Amino acid sequence: INTMTRAKNVNVYQVASGVYAYTSSLAVDDDGSDP
């Protein structure tokens, strides 16, 4: 699922040995120690 659009159209590919790639959105995660 694309986090921003909610469309079920994101796939992951092994583009080289041990290397995995996907293209999707960037929803901003602000969790962690920063206020």
ModelCIF file with pLDDT and N, C-alpha, C, O atoms, coordinates in Angstrom:
data_MODEL
#
_entry.id   MODEL 
#
_entity.id                         1 
_entity.type                       polymer 
_entity.pdbx_number_of_molecules   1 
#
_entity_poly.entity_id                      1 
_entity_poly.type                           'polypeptide(L)' 
_entity_poly.nstd_linkage                   no 
_entity_poly.nstd_monomer                   no 
_entity_poly.pdbx_seq_one_letter_code       INTMTRAKNVNVYQVASGVYAYTSSLAVDDDGSDP 
_entity_poly.pdbx_seq_one_letter_code_can   INTMTRAKNVNVYQVASGVYAYTSSLAVDDDGSDP 
_entity_poly.pdbx_strand_id                 A 
#
loop_
_entity_poly_seq.entity_id 
_entity_poly_seq.num 
_entity_poly_seq.mon_id 
_entity_poly_seq.hetero 
1 1  ILE n 
1 2  ASN n 
1 3  THR n 
1 4  MET n 
1 5  THR n 
1 6  ARG n 
1 7  ALA n 
1 8  LYS n 
1 9  ASN n 
1 10 VAL n 
1 11 ASN n 
1 12 VAL n 
1 13 TYR n 
1 14 GLN n 
1 15 VAL n 
1 16 ALA n 
1 17 SER n 
1 18 GLY n 
1 19 VAL n 
1 20 TYR n 
1 21 ALA n 
1 22 TYR n 
1 23 THR n 
1 24 SER n 
1 25 SER n 
1 26 LEU n 
1 27 ALA n 
1 28 VAL n 
1 29 ASP n 
1 30 ASP n 
1 31 ASP n 
1 32 GLY n 
1 33 SER n 
1 34 ASP n 
1 35 PRO n 
#
_struct_asym.id          A 
_struct_asym.entity_id   1 
#
loop_
_ma_qa_metric.id 
_ma_qa_metric.mode 
_ma_qa_metric.name 
_ma_qa_metric.software_group_id 
_ma_qa_metric.type 
1 global pLDDT . pLDDT 
2 local  pLDDT . pLDDT 
#
_ma_qa_metric_global.metric_id      1 
_ma_qa_metric_global.metric_value   95.11 
_ma_qa_metric_global.model_id       1 
_ma_qa_metric_global.ordinal_id     1 
#
loop_
_ma_qa_metric_local.label_asym_id 
_ma_qa_metric_local.label_comp_id 
_ma_qa_metric_local.label_seq_id 
_ma_qa_metric_local.metric_id 
_ma_qa_metric_local.metric_value 
_ma_qa_metric_local.model_id 
_ma_qa_metric_local.ordinal_id 
A ILE 1  2 95.00 1 1  
A ASN 2  2 96.00 1 2  
A THR 3  2 94.00 1 3  
A MET 4  2 95.00 1 4  
A THR 5  2 95.00 1 5  
A ARG 6  2 93.00 1 6  
A ALA 7  2 96.00 1 7  
A LYS 8  2 96.00 1 8  
A ASN 9  2 97.00 1 9  
A VAL 10 2 98.00 1 10 
A ASN 11 2 98.00 1 11 
A VAL 12 2 98.00 1 12 
A TYR 13 2 98.00 1 13 
A GLN 14 2 98.00 1 14 
A VAL 15 2 98.00 1 15 
A ALA 16 2 98.00 1 16 
A SER 17 2 97.00 1 17 
A GLY 18 2 98.00 1 18 
A VAL 19 2 98.00 1 19 
A TYR 20 2 98.00 1 20 
A ALA 21 2 98.00 1 21 
A TYR 22 2 98.00 1 22 
A THR 23 2 98.00 1 23 
A SER 24 2 98.00 1 24 
A SER 25 2 98.00 1 25 
A LEU 26 2 98.00 1 26 
A ALA 27 2 96.00 1 27 
A VAL 28 2 97.00 1 28 
A ASP 29 2 95.00 1 29 
A ASP 30 2 92.00 1 30 
A ASP 31 2 90.00 1 31 
A GLY 32 2 87.00 1 32 
A SER 33 2 87.00 1 33 
A ASP 34 2 84.00 1 34 
A PRO 35 2 79.00 1 35 
#
loop_
_atom_site.group_PDB 
_atom_site.id 
_atom_site.type_symbol 
_atom_site.label_atom_id 
_atom_site.label_alt_id 
_atom_site.label_comp_id 
_atom_site.label_asym_id 
_atom_site.label_entity_id 
_atom_site.label_seq_id 
_atom_site.pdbx_PDB_ins_code 
_atom_site.Cartn_x 
_atom_site.Cartn_y 
_atom_site.Cartn_z 
_atom_site.occupancy 
_atom_site.B_iso_or_equiv 
_atom_site.pdbx_formal_charge 
_atom_site.auth_seq_id 
_atom_site.auth_comp_id 
_atom_site.auth_asym_id 
_atom_site.auth_atom_id 
_atom_site.pdbx_PDB_model_num 
ATOM 1   N N  . ILE A 1 1  ? 0.842  -1.193 0.000  1.00 95.00 ? 1  ILE A N  1 
ATOM 2   C CA . ILE A 1 1  ? 0.000  0.000  0.000  1.00 95.00 ? 1  ILE A CA 1 
ATOM 3   C C  . ILE A 1 1  ? 0.883  1.252  0.000  1.00 95.00 ? 1  ILE A C  1 
ATOM 4   O O  . ILE A 1 1  ? 1.786  1.382  0.827  1.00 95.00 ? 1  ILE A O  1 
ATOM 5   N N  . ASN A 1 2  ? 0.618  2.160  -0.923 1.00 96.00 ? 2  ASN A N  1 
ATOM 6   C CA . ASN A 1 2  ? 1.266  3.469  -0.913 1.00 96.00 ? 2  ASN A CA 1 
ATOM 7   C C  . ASN A 1 2  ? 0.740  4.231  0.306  1.00 96.00 ? 2  ASN A C  1 
ATOM 8   O O  . ASN A 1 2  ? -0.461 4.474  0.418  1.00 96.00 ? 2  ASN A O  1 
ATOM 9   N N  . THR A 1 3  ? 1.641  4.607  1.217  1.00 94.00 ? 3  THR A N  1 
ATOM 10  C CA . THR A 1 3  ? 1.218  5.206  2.487  1.00 94.00 ? 3  THR A CA 1 
ATOM 11  C C  . THR A 1 3  ? 0.398  6.475  2.298  1.00 94.00 ? 3  THR A C  1 
ATOM 12  O O  . THR A 1 3  ? -0.550 6.713  3.047  1.00 94.00 ? 3  THR A O  1 
ATOM 13  N N  . MET A 1 4  ? 0.742  7.279  1.324  1.00 95.00 ? 4  MET A N  1 
ATOM 14  C CA . MET A 1 4  ? 0.047  8.554  1.131  1.00 95.00 ? 4  MET A CA 1 
ATOM 15  C C  . MET A 1 4  ? -1.253 8.407  0.360  1.00 95.00 ? 4  MET A C  1 
ATOM 16  O O  . MET A 1 4  ? -2.267 8.985  0.752  1.00 95.00 ? 4  MET A O  1 
ATOM 17  N N  . THR A 1 5  ? -1.246 7.645  -0.727 1.00 95.00 ? 5  THR A N  1 
ATOM 18  C CA . THR A 1 5  ? -2.438 7.575  -1.582 1.00 95.00 ? 5  THR A CA 1 
ATOM 19  C C  . THR A 1 5  ? -3.360 6.418  -1.216 1.00 95.00 ? 5  THR A C  1 
ATOM 20  O O  . THR A 1 5  ? -4.534 6.421  -1.587 1.00 95.00 ? 5  THR A O  1 
ATOM 21  N N  . ARG A 1 6  ? -2.837 5.426  -0.487 1.00 93.00 ? 6  ARG A N  1 
ATOM 22  C CA . ARG A 1 6  ? -3.552 4.216  -0.085 1.00 93.00 ? 6  ARG A CA 1 
ATOM 23  C C  . ARG A 1 6  ? -3.777 3.250  -1.247 1.00 93.00 ? 6  ARG A C  1 
ATOM 24  O O  . ARG A 1 6  ? -4.441 2.228  -1.071 1.00 93.00 ? 6  ARG A O  1 
ATOM 25  N N  . ALA A 1 7  ? -3.244 3.549  -2.416 1.00 96.00 ? 7  ALA A N  1 
ATOM 26  C CA . ALA A 1 7  ? -3.372 2.638  -3.555 1.00 96.00 ? 7  ALA A CA 1 
ATOM 27  C C  . ALA A 1 7  ? -2.503 1.399  -3.334 1.00 96.00 ? 7  ALA A C  1 
ATOM 28  O O  . ALA A 1 7  ? -1.382 1.500  -2.836 1.00 96.00 ? 7  ALA A O  1 
ATOM 29  N N  . LYS A 1 8  ? -3.020 0.251  -3.703 1.00 96.00 ? 8  LYS A N  1 
ATOM 30  C CA . LYS A 1 8  ? -2.258 -0.993 -3.563 1.00 96.00 ? 8  LYS A CA 1 
ATOM 31  C C  . LYS A 1 8  ? -1.480 -1.239 -4.859 1.00 96.00 ? 8  LYS A C  1 
ATOM 32  O O  . LYS A 1 8  ? -1.859 -2.066 -5.688 1.00 96.00 ? 8  LYS A O  1 
ATOM 33  N N  . ASN A 1 9  ? -0.398 -0.507 -5.003 1.00 97.00 ? 9  ASN A N  1 
ATOM 34  C CA . ASN A 1 9  ? 0.347  -0.576 -6.266 1.00 97.00 ? 9  ASN A CA 1 
ATOM 35  C C  . ASN A 1 9  ? 1.862  -0.489 -6.082 1.00 97.00 ? 9  ASN A C  1 
ATOM 36  O O  . ASN A 1 9  ? 2.578  -0.142 -7.022 1.00 97.00 ? 9  ASN A O  1 
ATOM 37  N N  . VAL A 1 10 ? 2.355  -0.798 -4.888 1.00 98.00 ? 10 VAL A N  1 
ATOM 38  C CA . VAL A 1 10 ? 3.795  -0.703 -4.615 1.00 98.00 ? 10 VAL A CA 1 
ATOM 39  C C  . VAL A 1 10 ? 4.389  -2.102 -4.539 1.00 98.00 ? 10 VAL A C  1 
ATOM 40  O O  . VAL A 1 10 ? 3.883  -2.971 -3.829 1.00 98.00 ? 10 VAL A O  1 
ATOM 41  N N  . ASN A 1 11 ? 5.473  -2.305 -5.285 1.00 98.00 ? 11 ASN A N  1 
ATOM 42  C CA . ASN A 1 11 ? 6.158  -3.598 -5.297 1.00 98.00 ? 11 ASN A CA 1 
ATOM 43  C C  . ASN A 1 11 ? 7.631  -3.427 -4.945 1.00 98.00 ? 11 ASN A C  1 
ATOM 44  O O  . ASN A 1 11 ? 8.205  -2.347 -5.085 1.00 98.00 ? 11 ASN A O  1 
ATOM 45  N N  . VAL A 1 12 ? 8.220  -4.520 -4.486 1.00 98.00 ? 12 VAL A N  1 
ATOM 46  C CA . VAL A 1 12 ? 9.634  -4.531 -4.118 1.00 98.00 ? 12 VAL A CA 1 
ATOM 47  C C  . VAL A 1 12 ? 10.379 -5.476 -5.058 1.00 98.00 ? 12 VAL A C  1 
ATOM 48  O O  . VAL A 1 12 ? 9.904  -6.573 -5.352 1.00 98.00 ? 12 VAL A O  1 
ATOM 49  N N  . TYR A 1 13 ? 11.549 -5.041 -5.528 1.00 98.00 ? 13 TYR A N  1 
ATOM 50  C CA . TYR A 1 13 ? 12.317 -5.814 -6.500 1.00 98.00 ? 13 TYR A CA 1 
ATOM 51  C C  . TYR A 1 13 ? 13.738 -6.047 -5.981 1.00 98.00 ? 13 TYR A C  1 
ATOM 52  O O  . TYR A 1 13 ? 14.324 -5.179 -5.334 1.00 98.00 ? 13 TYR A O  1 
ATOM 53  N N  . GLN A 1 14 ? 14.275 -7.216 -6.272 1.00 98.00 ? 14 GLN A N  1 
ATOM 54  C CA . GLN A 1 14 ? 15.685 -7.476 -5.967 1.00 98.00 ? 14 GLN A CA 1 
ATOM 55  C C  . GLN A 1 14 ? 16.474 -7.074 -7.210 1.00 98.00 ? 14 GLN A C  1 
ATOM 56  O O  . GLN A 1 14 ? 16.535 -7.819 -8.188 1.00 98.00 ? 14 GLN A O  1 
ATOM 57  N N  . VAL A 1 15 ? 17.071 -5.896 -7.159 1.00 98.00 ? 15 VAL A N  1 
ATOM 58  C CA . VAL A 1 15 ? 17.718 -5.330 -8.349 1.00 98.00 ? 15 VAL A CA 1 
ATOM 59  C C  . VAL A 1 15 ? 19.164 -5.786 -8.509 1.00 98.00 ? 15 VAL A C  1 
ATOM 60  O O  . VAL A 1 15 ? 19.755 -5.625 -9.577 1.00 98.00 ? 15 VAL A O  1 
ATOM 61  N N  . ALA A 1 16 ? 19.729 -6.356 -7.450 1.00 98.00 ? 16 ALA A N  1 
ATOM 62  C CA . ALA A 1 16 ? 21.068 -6.942 -7.479 1.00 98.00 ? 16 ALA A CA 1 
ATOM 63  C C  . ALA A 1 16 ? 21.141 -7.888 -6.287 1.00 98.00 ? 16 ALA A C  1 
ATOM 64  O O  . ALA A 1 16 ? 20.231 -7.907 -5.459 1.00 98.00 ? 16 ALA A O  1 
ATOM 65  N N  . SER A 1 17 ? 22.186 -8.654 -6.191 1.00 97.00 ? 17 SER A N  1 
ATOM 66  C CA . SER A 1 17 ? 22.309 -9.598 -5.088 1.00 97.00 ? 17 SER A CA 1 
ATOM 67  C C  . SER A 1 17 ? 22.255 -8.864 -3.748 1.00 97.00 ? 17 SER A C  1 
ATOM 68  O O  . SER A 1 17 ? 23.114 -8.032 -3.458 1.00 97.00 ? 17 SER A O  1 
ATOM 69  N N  . GLY A 1 18 ? 21.240 -9.173 -2.930 1.00 98.00 ? 18 GLY A N  1 
ATOM 70  C CA . GLY A 1 18 ? 21.113 -8.566 -1.616 1.00 98.00 ? 18 GLY A CA 1 
ATOM 71  C C  . GLY A 1 18 ? 20.668 -7.122 -1.607 1.00 98.00 ? 18 GLY A C  1 
ATOM 72  O O  . GLY A 1 18 ? 20.758 -6.460 -0.573 1.00 98.00 ? 18 GLY A O  1 
ATOM 73  N N  . VAL A 1 19 ? 20.188 -6.613 -2.734 1.00 98.00 ? 19 VAL A N  1 
ATOM 74  C CA . VAL A 1 19 ? 19.772 -5.205 -2.830 1.00 98.00 ? 19 VAL A CA 1 
ATOM 75  C C  . VAL A 1 19 ? 18.318 -5.149 -3.277 1.00 98.00 ? 19 VAL A C  1 
ATOM 76  O O  . VAL A 1 19 ? 17.957 -5.731 -4.300 1.00 98.00 ? 19 VAL A O  1 
ATOM 77  N N  . TYR A 1 20 ? 17.479 -4.444 -2.507 1.00 98.00 ? 20 TYR A N  1 
ATOM 78  C CA . TYR A 1 20 ? 16.032 -4.407 -2.738 1.00 98.00 ? 20 TYR A CA 1 
ATOM 79  C C  . TYR A 1 20 ? 15.555 -2.976 -2.936 1.00 98.00 ? 20 TYR A C  1 
ATOM 80  O O  . TYR A 1 20 ? 16.012 -2.065 -2.245 1.00 98.00 ? 20 TYR A O  1 
ATOM 81  N N  . ALA A 1 21 ? 14.638 -2.776 -3.878 1.00 98.00 ? 21 ALA A N  1 
ATOM 82  C CA . ALA A 1 21 ? 14.207 -1.420 -4.224 1.00 98.00 ? 21 ALA A CA 1 
ATOM 83  C C  . ALA A 1 21 ? 12.705 -1.340 -4.412 1.00 98.00 ? 21 ALA A C  1 
ATOM 84  O O  . ALA A 1 21 ? 12.068 -2.283 -4.881 1.00 98.00 ? 21 ALA A O  1 
ATOM 85  N N  . TYR A 1 22 ? 12.152 -0.198 -4.039 1.00 98.00 ? 22 TYR A N  1 
ATOM 86  C CA . TYR A 1 22 ? 10.739 0.094  -4.299 1.00 98.00 ? 22 TYR A CA 1 
ATOM 87  C C  . TYR A 1 22 ? 10.579 1.588  -4.526 1.00 98.00 ? 22 TYR A C  1 
ATOM 88  O O  . TYR A 1 22 ? 11.414 2.381  -4.092 1.00 98.00 ? 22 TYR A O  1 
ATOM 89  N N  . THR A 1 23 ? 9.519  1.964  -5.197 1.00 98.00 ? 23 THR A N  1 
ATOM 90  C CA . THR A 1 23 ? 9.187  3.365  -5.421 1.00 98.00 ? 23 THR A CA 1 
ATOM 91  C C  . THR A 1 23 ? 7.790  3.620  -4.870 1.00 98.00 ? 23 THR A C  1 
ATOM 92  O O  . THR A 1 23 ? 6.845  2.897  -5.187 1.00 98.00 ? 23 THR A O  1 
ATOM 93  N N  . SER A 1 24 ? 7.668  4.659  -4.040 1.00 98.00 ? 24 SER A N  1 
ATOM 94  C CA . SER A 1 24 ? 6.382  4.957  -3.431 1.00 98.00 ? 24 SER A CA 1 
ATOM 95  C C  . SER A 1 24 ? 6.341  6.432  -3.035 1.00 98.00 ? 24 SER A C  1 
ATOM 96  O O  . SER A 1 24 ? 7.034  7.270  -3.611 1.00 98.00 ? 24 SER A O  1 
ATOM 97  N N  . SER A 1 25 ? 5.517  6.719  -2.042 1.00 98.00 ? 25 SER A N  1 
ATOM 98  C CA . SER A 1 25 ? 5.373  8.071  -1.508 1.00 98.00 ? 25 SER A CA 1 
ATOM 99  C C  . SER A 1 25 ? 6.464  8.369  -0.486 1.00 98.00 ? 25 SER A C  1 
ATOM 100 O O  . SER A 1 25 ? 7.325  7.533  -0.214 1.00 98.00 ? 25 SER A O  1 
ATOM 101 N N  . LEU A 1 26 ? 6.411  9.572  0.071  1.00 98.00 ? 26 LEU A N  1 
ATOM 102 C CA . LEU A 1 26 ? 7.135  9.848  1.311  1.00 98.00 ? 26 LEU A CA 1 
ATOM 103 C C  . LEU A 1 26 ? 6.154  10.537 2.254  1.00 98.00 ? 26 LEU A C  1 
ATOM 104 O O  . LEU A 1 26 ? 5.940  11.746 2.176  1.00 98.00 ? 26 LEU A O  1 
ATOM 105 N N  . ALA A 1 27 ? 5.570  9.751  3.138  1.00 96.00 ? 27 ALA A N  1 
ATOM 106 C CA . ALA A 1 27 ? 4.787  10.297 4.241  1.00 96.00 ? 27 ALA A CA 1 
ATOM 107 C C  . ALA A 1 27 ? 5.781  10.600 5.355  1.00 96.00 ? 27 ALA A C  1 
ATOM 108 O O  . ALA A 1 27 ? 6.673  9.794  5.618  1.00 96.00 ? 27 ALA A O  1 
ATOM 109 N N  . VAL A 1 28 ? 5.645  11.729 6.004  1.00 97.00 ? 28 VAL A N  1 
ATOM 110 C CA . VAL A 1 28 ? 6.664  12.184 6.948  1.00 97.00 ? 28 VAL A CA 1 
ATOM 111 C C  . VAL A 1 28 ? 6.456  11.571 8.330  1.00 97.00 ? 28 VAL A C  1 
ATOM 112 O O  . VAL A 1 28 ? 5.410  11.746 8.953  1.00 97.00 ? 28 VAL A O  1 
ATOM 113 N N  . ASP A 1 29 ? 7.472  10.850 8.791  1.00 95.00 ? 29 ASP A N  1 
ATOM 114 C CA . ASP A 1 29 ? 7.495  10.245 10.121 1.00 95.00 ? 29 ASP A CA 1 
ATOM 115 C C  . ASP A 1 29 ? 8.255  11.192 11.053 1.00 95.00 ? 29 ASP A C  1 
ATOM 116 O O  . ASP A 1 29 ? 9.436  11.465 10.836 1.00 95.00 ? 29 ASP A O  1 
ATOM 117 N N  . ASP A 1 30 ? 7.580  11.689 12.086 1.00 92.00 ? 30 ASP A N  1 
ATOM 118 C CA . ASP A 1 30 ? 8.242  12.600 13.032 1.00 92.00 ? 30 ASP A CA 1 
ATOM 119 C C  . ASP A 1 30 ? 8.404  11.970 14.416 1.00 92.00 ? 30 ASP A C  1 
ATOM 120 O O  . ASP A 1 30 ? 8.583  12.681 15.404 1.00 92.00 ? 30 ASP A O  1 
ATOM 121 N N  . ASP A 1 31 ? 8.340  10.633 14.488 1.00 90.00 ? 31 ASP A N  1 
ATOM 122 C CA . ASP A 1 31 ? 8.492  9.951  15.774 1.00 90.00 ? 31 ASP A CA 1 
ATOM 123 C C  . ASP A 1 31 ? 9.931  10.012 16.278 1.00 90.00 ? 31 ASP A C  1 
ATOM 124 O O  . ASP A 1 31 ? 10.853 10.356 15.538 1.00 90.00 ? 31 ASP A O  1 
ATOM 125 N N  . GLY A 1 32 ? 10.098 9.675  17.540 1.00 87.00 ? 32 GLY A N  1 
ATOM 126 C CA . GLY A 1 32 ? 11.429 9.606  18.116 1.00 87.00 ? 32 GLY A CA 1 
ATOM 127 C C  . GLY A 1 32 ? 11.689 10.661 19.158 1.00 87.00 ? 32 GLY A C  1 
ATOM 128 O O  . GLY A 1 32 ? 10.758 11.266 19.690 1.00 87.00 ? 32 GLY A O  1 
ATOM 129 N N  . SER A 1 33 ? 12.962 10.884 19.453 1.00 87.00 ? 33 SER A N  1 
ATOM 130 C CA . SER A 1 33 ? 13.358 11.722 20.584 1.00 87.00 ? 33 SER A CA 1 
ATOM 131 C C  . SER A 1 33 ? 13.176 13.215 20.358 1.00 87.00 ? 33 SER A C  1 
ATOM 132 O O  . SER A 1 33 ? 13.166 13.981 21.321 1.00 87.00 ? 33 SER A O  1 
ATOM 133 N N  . ASP A 1 34 ? 13.031 13.648 19.104 1.00 84.00 ? 34 ASP A N  1 
ATOM 134 C CA . ASP A 1 34 ? 12.793 15.074 18.856 1.00 84.00 ? 34 ASP A CA 1 
ATOM 135 C C  . ASP A 1 34 ? 11.358 15.450 19.245 1.00 84.00 ? 34 ASP A C  1 
ATOM 136 O O  . ASP A 1 34 ? 10.422 14.726 18.906 1.00 84.00 ? 34 ASP A O  1 
ATOM 137 N N  . PRO A 1 35 ? 11.175 16.562 19.946 1.00 79.00 ? 35 PRO A N  1 
ATOM 138 C CA . PRO A 1 35 ? 9.801  17.036 20.183 1.00 79.00 ? 35 PRO A CA 1 
ATOM 139 C C  . PRO A 1 35 ? 9.179  17.496 18.871 1.00 79.00 ? 35 PRO A C  1 
ATOM 140 O O  . PRO A 1 35 ? 8.028  17.931 18.853 1.00 79.00 ? 35 PRO A O  1 
#
